[in-house]
Amino acid sequence: DRLEFDGNGRTVNVGNLEAFILLVGIFLSRSFITTLLMKPVDYGLSNETLSDTAERNLKILASCLLFLVRRVSVRRESPMLPMPGEVARYVFADEEMRPIHLRLRRTYEYCENLLREWGSEYIKRLRQAGTTTTTTTT
């Protein structure tokens, strides 16, 4: 699917699921995981080259967060999104992370619920702000 824009450059026909995927993609996947965790020296998380242990720990953290992003980016009853090819070299494969994912199962469920609630509230407020802006400028 592709985004549609109006004459002012605003997105149109974006449902709540699409809006949520955009939010999660922008905030967590692109800004936090891809930028900061996968390239920590380039983006200022560290001023020096990381030790092997620190690098491995960041890779585990990025793998866990990406797993969560992939879970929440689909409806609850749908299968999880596959691993994005462009980040596969920066994170551990699902099979490698399986023991960790199993241990964190309840934590993932809790985080997934919180993330979905946050996204729903954030989208609601964005829509309200958009309506307020539109009515006050017209």
N, C-alpha and C. Protein backbone atom coordinates (compact mmCIF):
# COMPACT_ATOMS: atom_id res chain seq x y z
N ASP A 1 0.83 -1.19 0.00
CA ASP A 1 0.00 0.00 0.00
C ASP A 1 0.87 1.25 0.00
N ARG A 2 0.33 2.28 -0.59
CA ARG A 2 1.06 3.55 -0.65
C ARG A 2 0.25 4.63 0.05
N LEU A 3 0.96 5.59 0.59
CA LEU A 3 0.30 6.72 1.23
C LEU A 3 -0.25 7.65 0.17
N GLU A 4 -1.37 8.27 0.50
CA GLU A 4 -1.95 9.28 -0.39
C GLU A 4 -1.84 10.63 0.32
N PHE A 5 -1.59 11.68 -0.48
CA PHE A 5 -1.44 13.02 0.08
C PHE A 5 -2.41 13.96 -0.61
N ASP A 6 -2.87 14.98 0.14
CA ASP A 6 -3.74 15.99 -0.46
C ASP A 6 -2.88 17.11 -1.05
N GLY A 7 -3.51 18.16 -1.52
CA GLY A 7 -2.80 19.28 -2.13
C GLY A 7 -1.87 20.02 -1.18
N ASN A 8 -2.12 19.90 0.13
CA ASN A 8 -1.27 20.55 1.13
C ASN A 8 -0.16 19.65 1.66
N GLY A 9 -0.06 18.45 1.12
CA GLY A 9 0.97 17.52 1.56
C GLY A 9 0.60 16.70 2.78
N ARG A 10 -0.66 16.76 3.19
CA ARG A 10 -1.11 15.97 4.34
C ARG A 10 -1.56 14.59 3.86
N THR A 11 -1.33 13.60 4.71
CA THR A 11 -1.78 12.26 4.35
C THR A 11 -3.30 12.19 4.42
N VAL A 12 -3.87 11.42 3.53
CA VAL A 12 -5.32 11.21 3.52
C VAL A 12 -5.58 9.71 3.51
N ASN A 13 -6.75 9.33 3.97
CA ASN A 13 -7.18 7.93 4.00
C ASN A 13 -6.21 7.05 4.78
N VAL A 14 -5.71 7.54 5.90
CA VAL A 14 -4.84 6.75 6.75
C VAL A 14 -5.66 6.28 7.95
N GLY A 15 -5.88 4.97 8.02
CA GLY A 15 -6.62 4.40 9.13
C GLY A 15 -5.74 4.31 10.37
N ASN A 16 -6.34 3.86 11.46
CA ASN A 16 -5.60 3.77 12.71
C ASN A 16 -4.45 2.77 12.64
N LEU A 17 -4.65 1.64 11.97
CA LEU A 17 -3.57 0.66 11.87
C LEU A 17 -2.40 1.23 11.08
N GLU A 18 -2.68 1.87 9.96
CA GLU A 18 -1.60 2.49 9.16
C GLU A 18 -0.89 3.58 9.95
N ALA A 19 -1.66 4.38 10.67
CA ALA A 19 -1.06 5.45 11.48
C ALA A 19 -0.16 4.85 12.56
N PHE A 20 -0.62 3.78 13.17
CA PHE A 20 0.17 3.12 14.22
C PHE A 20 1.47 2.57 13.64
N ILE A 21 1.39 1.93 12.49
CA ILE A 21 2.59 1.38 11.85
C ILE A 21 3.57 2.50 11.51
N LEU A 22 3.06 3.63 11.04
CA LEU A 22 3.93 4.77 10.75
C LEU A 22 4.62 5.27 12.02
N LEU A 23 3.86 5.39 13.11
CA LEU A 23 4.43 5.85 14.38
C LEU A 23 5.52 4.91 14.88
N VAL A 24 5.20 3.64 14.93
CA VAL A 24 6.17 2.66 15.41
C VAL A 24 7.38 2.63 14.49
N GLY A 25 7.13 2.72 13.20
CA GLY A 25 8.23 2.71 12.24
C GLY A 25 9.14 3.92 12.39
N ILE A 26 8.55 5.08 12.61
CA ILE A 26 9.34 6.31 12.74
C ILE A 26 10.07 6.36 14.08
N PHE A 27 9.32 6.19 15.17
CA PHE A 27 9.91 6.36 16.50
C PHE A 27 10.84 5.23 16.90
N LEU A 28 10.35 4.02 16.82
CA LEU A 28 11.15 2.90 17.32
C LEU A 28 12.07 2.30 16.27
N SER A 29 11.49 1.91 15.17
CA SER A 29 12.28 1.17 14.19
C SER A 29 13.36 2.03 13.56
N ARG A 30 13.00 3.17 13.03
CA ARG A 30 13.99 3.99 12.31
C ARG A 30 14.83 4.85 13.25
N SER A 31 14.18 5.60 14.11
CA SER A 31 14.91 6.55 14.96
C SER A 31 15.75 5.87 16.02
N PHE A 32 15.18 4.94 16.71
CA PHE A 32 15.87 4.35 17.85
C PHE A 32 16.70 3.13 17.46
N ILE A 33 16.07 2.14 16.87
CA ILE A 33 16.78 0.90 16.58
C ILE A 33 17.80 1.10 15.46
N THR A 34 17.33 1.51 14.30
CA THR A 34 18.22 1.59 13.14
C THR A 34 19.31 2.65 13.32
N THR A 35 18.95 3.78 13.85
CA THR A 35 19.92 4.87 13.98
C THR A 35 20.84 4.69 15.18
N LEU A 36 20.27 4.71 16.36
CA LEU A 36 21.07 4.77 17.57
C LEU A 36 21.71 3.44 17.96
N LEU A 37 20.92 2.36 17.99
CA LEU A 37 21.47 1.10 18.47
C LEU A 37 22.37 0.40 17.46
N MET A 38 22.08 0.56 16.19
CA MET A 38 22.87 -0.15 15.19
C MET A 38 24.12 0.62 14.77
N LYS A 39 24.12 1.91 15.01
CA LYS A 39 25.28 2.74 14.66
C LYS A 39 25.60 3.67 15.83
N PRO A 40 25.96 3.11 16.98
CA PRO A 40 26.09 3.91 18.20
C PRO A 40 27.19 4.97 18.16
N VAL A 41 28.28 4.70 17.50
CA VAL A 41 29.37 5.68 17.44
C VAL A 41 29.01 6.79 16.45
N ASP A 42 28.44 6.40 15.31
CA ASP A 42 28.06 7.38 14.28
C ASP A 42 27.06 8.41 14.80
N TYR A 43 26.16 7.98 15.70
CA TYR A 43 25.10 8.87 16.15
C TYR A 43 25.23 9.31 17.61
N GLY A 44 26.41 9.16 18.20
CA GLY A 44 26.69 9.77 19.48
C GLY A 44 26.30 9.01 20.72
N LEU A 45 25.89 7.76 20.60
CA LEU A 45 25.61 6.98 21.80
C LEU A 45 26.90 6.70 22.56
N SER A 46 28.00 6.61 21.82
CA SER A 46 29.32 6.41 22.41
C SER A 46 30.34 7.24 21.64
N ASN A 47 31.33 7.74 22.35
CA ASN A 47 32.39 8.53 21.72
C ASN A 47 33.54 7.67 21.22
N GLU A 48 33.56 6.43 21.63
CA GLU A 48 34.66 5.55 21.25
C GLU A 48 34.12 4.21 20.77
N THR A 49 34.97 3.46 20.13
CA THR A 49 34.58 2.14 19.65
C THR A 49 34.13 1.28 20.83
N LEU A 50 33.03 0.57 20.63
CA LEU A 50 32.48 -0.25 21.71
C LEU A 50 33.27 -1.54 21.88
N SER A 51 33.29 -2.02 23.10
CA SER A 51 33.90 -3.33 23.36
C SER A 51 33.01 -4.41 22.73
N ASP A 52 33.55 -5.59 22.58
CA ASP A 52 32.77 -6.69 22.02
C ASP A 52 31.52 -6.97 22.85
N THR A 53 31.66 -6.90 24.17
CA THR A 53 30.53 -7.14 25.05
C THR A 53 29.46 -6.06 24.88
N ALA A 54 29.87 -4.81 24.85
CA ALA A 54 28.92 -3.71 24.67
C ALA A 54 28.23 -3.81 23.31
N GLU A 55 28.99 -4.15 22.29
CA GLU A 55 28.41 -4.30 20.96
C GLU A 55 27.39 -5.43 20.93
N ARG A 56 27.72 -6.54 21.56
CA ARG A 56 26.81 -7.69 21.62
C ARG A 56 25.55 -7.34 22.42
N ASN A 57 25.72 -6.61 23.52
CA ASN A 57 24.56 -6.20 24.32
C ASN A 57 23.62 -5.29 23.54
N LEU A 58 24.18 -4.35 22.78
CA LEU A 58 23.34 -3.48 21.95
C LEU A 58 22.64 -4.28 20.86
N LYS A 59 23.33 -5.26 20.32
CA LYS A 59 22.74 -6.11 19.28
C LYS A 59 21.58 -6.92 19.85
N ILE A 60 21.72 -7.39 21.08
CA ILE A 60 20.62 -8.11 21.73
C ILE A 60 19.45 -7.17 21.99
N LEU A 61 19.75 -5.97 22.51
CA LEU A 61 18.69 -4.99 22.77
C LEU A 61 17.96 -4.62 21.47
N ALA A 62 18.71 -4.35 20.42
CA ALA A 62 18.10 -4.01 19.12
C ALA A 62 17.26 -5.18 18.61
N SER A 63 17.74 -6.40 18.79
CA SER A 63 17.00 -7.58 18.34
C SER A 63 15.68 -7.71 19.10
N CYS A 64 15.72 -7.49 20.41
CA CYS A 64 14.51 -7.57 21.23
C CYS A 64 13.51 -6.48 20.84
N LEU A 65 13.99 -5.26 20.68
CA LEU A 65 13.09 -4.16 20.31
C LEU A 65 12.51 -4.36 18.92
N LEU A 66 13.31 -4.84 18.00
CA LEU A 66 12.81 -5.09 16.65
C LEU A 66 11.78 -6.21 16.66
N PHE A 67 11.99 -7.22 17.49
CA PHE A 67 11.01 -8.30 17.65
C PHE A 67 9.68 -7.71 18.11
N LEU A 68 9.73 -6.82 19.09
CA LEU A 68 8.52 -6.18 19.59
C LEU A 68 7.86 -5.33 18.51
N VAL A 69 8.63 -4.57 17.77
CA VAL A 69 8.10 -3.74 16.68
C VAL A 69 7.41 -4.63 15.65
N ARG A 70 8.02 -5.74 15.31
CA ARG A 70 7.44 -6.64 14.32
C ARG A 70 6.14 -7.26 14.83
N ARG A 71 6.05 -7.48 16.14
CA ARG A 71 4.82 -8.04 16.72
C ARG A 71 3.69 -7.02 16.71
N VAL A 72 3.98 -5.78 17.06
CA VAL A 72 2.91 -4.79 17.18
C VAL A 72 2.52 -4.16 15.85
N SER A 73 3.29 -4.42 14.81
CA SER A 73 3.01 -3.81 13.51
C SER A 73 1.95 -4.55 12.71
N VAL A 74 1.36 -5.56 13.30
CA VAL A 74 0.26 -6.30 12.67
C VAL A 74 -0.86 -6.47 13.69
N ARG A 75 -2.02 -6.83 13.20
CA ARG A 75 -3.13 -7.11 14.13
C ARG A 75 -2.75 -8.28 15.02
N ARG A 76 -3.32 -8.32 16.21
CA ARG A 76 -2.96 -9.34 17.19
C ARG A 76 -3.04 -10.77 16.65
N GLU A 77 -4.04 -11.07 15.87
CA GLU A 77 -4.23 -12.44 15.40
C GLU A 77 -3.41 -12.77 14.15
N SER A 78 -2.72 -11.80 13.60
CA SER A 78 -1.94 -12.00 12.38
C SER A 78 -0.53 -12.48 12.71
N PRO A 79 0.11 -13.18 11.76
CA PRO A 79 1.50 -13.58 11.99
C PRO A 79 2.42 -12.36 12.06
N MET A 80 3.48 -12.49 12.82
CA MET A 80 4.44 -11.41 12.98
C MET A 80 5.12 -11.11 11.65
N LEU A 81 5.50 -9.85 11.46
CA LEU A 81 6.22 -9.46 10.25
C LEU A 81 7.56 -10.17 10.18
N PRO A 82 8.04 -10.47 8.98
CA PRO A 82 9.37 -11.08 8.85
C PRO A 82 10.46 -10.06 9.18
N MET A 83 11.65 -10.58 9.37
CA MET A 83 12.80 -9.72 9.65
C MET A 83 13.09 -8.86 8.43
N PRO A 84 13.18 -7.53 8.59
CA PRO A 84 13.52 -6.67 7.45
C PRO A 84 14.94 -6.97 6.97
N GLY A 85 15.09 -7.18 5.70
CA GLY A 85 16.39 -7.54 5.14
C GLY A 85 17.47 -6.50 5.38
N GLU A 86 17.08 -5.22 5.38
CA GLU A 86 18.09 -4.16 5.51
C GLU A 86 18.73 -4.09 6.90
N VAL A 87 18.12 -4.71 7.89
CA VAL A 87 18.70 -4.66 9.24
C VAL A 87 19.20 -6.02 9.72
N ALA A 88 19.02 -7.04 8.93
CA ALA A 88 19.35 -8.41 9.36
C ALA A 88 20.80 -8.55 9.83
N ARG A 89 21.71 -7.83 9.22
CA ARG A 89 23.12 -7.98 9.61
C ARG A 89 23.43 -7.30 10.94
N TYR A 90 22.55 -6.42 11.41
CA TYR A 90 22.78 -5.69 12.66
C TYR A 90 22.15 -6.36 13.88
N VAL A 91 21.29 -7.33 13.65
CA VAL A 91 20.58 -7.97 14.75
C VAL A 91 20.75 -9.49 14.67
N PHE A 92 20.41 -10.15 15.76
CA PHE A 92 20.45 -11.61 15.77
C PHE A 92 19.20 -12.15 15.10
N ALA A 93 19.34 -13.28 14.44
CA ALA A 93 18.20 -13.94 13.80
C ALA A 93 17.23 -14.43 14.88
N ASP A 94 15.97 -14.57 14.50
CA ASP A 94 14.96 -15.04 15.45
C ASP A 94 15.36 -16.37 16.10
N GLU A 95 15.89 -17.27 15.31
CA GLU A 95 16.27 -18.58 15.85
C GLU A 95 17.37 -18.45 16.90
N GLU A 96 18.32 -17.56 16.68
CA GLU A 96 19.38 -17.32 17.67
C GLU A 96 18.81 -16.72 18.96
N MET A 97 17.77 -15.91 18.81
CA MET A 97 17.18 -15.21 19.95
C MET A 97 16.07 -16.01 20.63
N ARG A 98 15.72 -17.15 20.08
CA ARG A 98 14.59 -17.93 20.59
C ARG A 98 14.63 -18.13 22.12
N PRO A 99 15.76 -18.55 22.71
CA PRO A 99 15.76 -18.72 24.17
C PRO A 99 15.46 -17.41 24.92
N ILE A 100 15.97 -16.32 24.42
CA ILE A 100 15.72 -15.02 25.06
C ILE A 100 14.27 -14.61 24.86
N HIS A 101 13.75 -14.77 23.65
CA HIS A 101 12.35 -14.43 23.38
C HIS A 101 11.42 -15.24 24.28
N LEU A 102 11.71 -16.51 24.48
CA LEU A 102 10.87 -17.34 25.34
C LEU A 102 10.91 -16.86 26.79
N ARG A 103 12.08 -16.49 27.26
CA ARG A 103 12.20 -15.99 28.63
C ARG A 103 11.50 -14.64 28.81
N LEU A 104 11.47 -13.85 27.75
CA LEU A 104 10.87 -12.51 27.82
C LEU A 104 9.42 -12.48 27.35
N ARG A 105 8.82 -13.64 27.12
CA ARG A 105 7.47 -13.70 26.56
C ARG A 105 6.48 -12.81 27.30
N ARG A 106 6.43 -12.90 28.62
CA ARG A 106 5.47 -12.10 29.39
C ARG A 106 5.83 -10.61 29.33
N THR A 107 7.10 -10.31 29.31
CA THR A 107 7.54 -8.91 29.19
C THR A 107 7.14 -8.36 27.83
N TYR A 108 7.32 -9.15 26.78
CA TYR A 108 6.90 -8.72 25.44
C TYR A 108 5.40 -8.45 25.41
N GLU A 109 4.61 -9.35 26.01
CA GLU A 109 3.15 -9.16 26.02
C GLU A 109 2.78 -7.86 26.73
N TYR A 110 3.42 -7.61 27.86
CA TYR A 110 3.17 -6.39 28.61
C TYR A 110 3.55 -5.16 27.78
N CYS A 111 4.74 -5.20 27.20
CA CYS A 111 5.22 -4.07 26.38
C CYS A 111 4.34 -3.87 25.15
N GLU A 112 3.92 -4.97 24.55
CA GLU A 112 3.06 -4.87 23.37
C GLU A 112 1.76 -4.15 23.72
N ASN A 113 1.17 -4.52 24.84
CA ASN A 113 -0.07 -3.86 25.26
C ASN A 113 0.15 -2.37 25.52
N LEU A 114 1.23 -2.05 26.22
CA LEU A 114 1.53 -0.63 26.50
C LEU A 114 1.79 0.14 25.21
N LEU A 115 2.53 -0.45 24.30
CA LEU A 115 2.85 0.21 23.04
C LEU A 115 1.59 0.44 22.21
N ARG A 116 0.71 -0.54 22.19
CA ARG A 116 -0.55 -0.38 21.46
C ARG A 116 -1.41 0.72 22.09
N GLU A 117 -1.45 0.76 23.42
CA GLU A 117 -2.21 1.82 24.11
C GLU A 117 -1.61 3.19 23.81
N TRP A 118 -0.28 3.29 23.91
CA TRP A 118 0.40 4.56 23.61
C TRP A 118 0.09 5.00 22.19
N GLY A 119 0.22 4.08 21.25
CA GLY A 119 -0.03 4.41 19.85
C GLY A 119 -1.45 4.87 19.62
N SER A 120 -2.39 4.18 20.22
CA SER A 120 -3.80 4.55 20.07
C SER A 120 -4.06 5.96 20.61
N GLU A 121 -3.52 6.24 21.78
CA GLU A 121 -3.70 7.57 22.39
C GLU A 121 -2.99 8.64 21.57
N TYR A 122 -1.79 8.36 21.11
CA TYR A 122 -1.02 9.32 20.32
C TYR A 122 -1.75 9.65 19.02
N ILE A 123 -2.28 8.63 18.36
CA ILE A 123 -3.01 8.84 17.11
C ILE A 123 -4.27 9.65 17.37
N LYS A 124 -4.97 9.34 18.46
CA LYS A 124 -6.17 10.09 18.80
C LYS A 124 -5.85 11.57 18.98
N ARG A 125 -4.76 11.86 19.68
CA ARG A 125 -4.37 13.25 19.92
C ARG A 125 -3.90 13.94 18.64
N LEU A 126 -3.19 13.20 17.79
CA LEU A 126 -2.78 13.78 16.50
C LEU A 126 -4.00 14.14 15.66
N ARG A 127 -4.97 13.26 15.65
CA ARG A 127 -6.19 13.53 14.87
C ARG A 127 -6.94 14.73 15.44
N GLN A 128 -7.01 14.81 16.77
CA GLN A 128 -7.66 15.96 17.40
C GLN A 128 -6.91 17.24 17.09
N ALA A 129 -5.60 17.20 17.14
CA ALA A 129 -4.79 18.38 16.84
C ALA A 129 -4.97 18.78 15.38
N GLY A 130 -5.04 17.81 14.50
CA GLY A 130 -5.26 18.09 13.08
C GLY A 130 -6.61 18.73 12.83
N THR A 131 -7.62 18.26 13.55
CA THR A 131 -8.96 18.83 13.42
C THR A 131 -8.98 20.25 13.97
N THR A 132 -8.33 20.47 15.10
CA THR A 132 -8.26 21.80 15.71
C THR A 132 -7.53 22.77 14.79
N THR A 133 -6.41 22.34 14.23
CA THR A 133 -5.62 23.18 13.33
C THR A 133 -6.42 23.51 12.08
N THR A 134 -7.11 22.53 11.54
CA THR A 134 -7.88 22.73 10.32
C THR A 134 -9.03 23.71 10.56
N THR A 135 -9.72 23.58 11.69
CA THR A 135 -10.86 24.45 11.94
C THR A 135 -10.44 25.86 12.32
N THR A 136 -9.28 26.02 12.94
CA THR A 136 -8.85 27.36 13.32
C THR A 136 -8.20 28.12 12.17
N THR A 137 -7.70 27.40 11.16
CA THR A 137 -7.04 28.08 10.05
C THR A 137 -7.99 28.32 8.88
N THR A 138 -9.17 27.73 8.92
CA THR A 138 -10.10 27.95 7.80
C THR A 138 -11.12 29.00 8.09
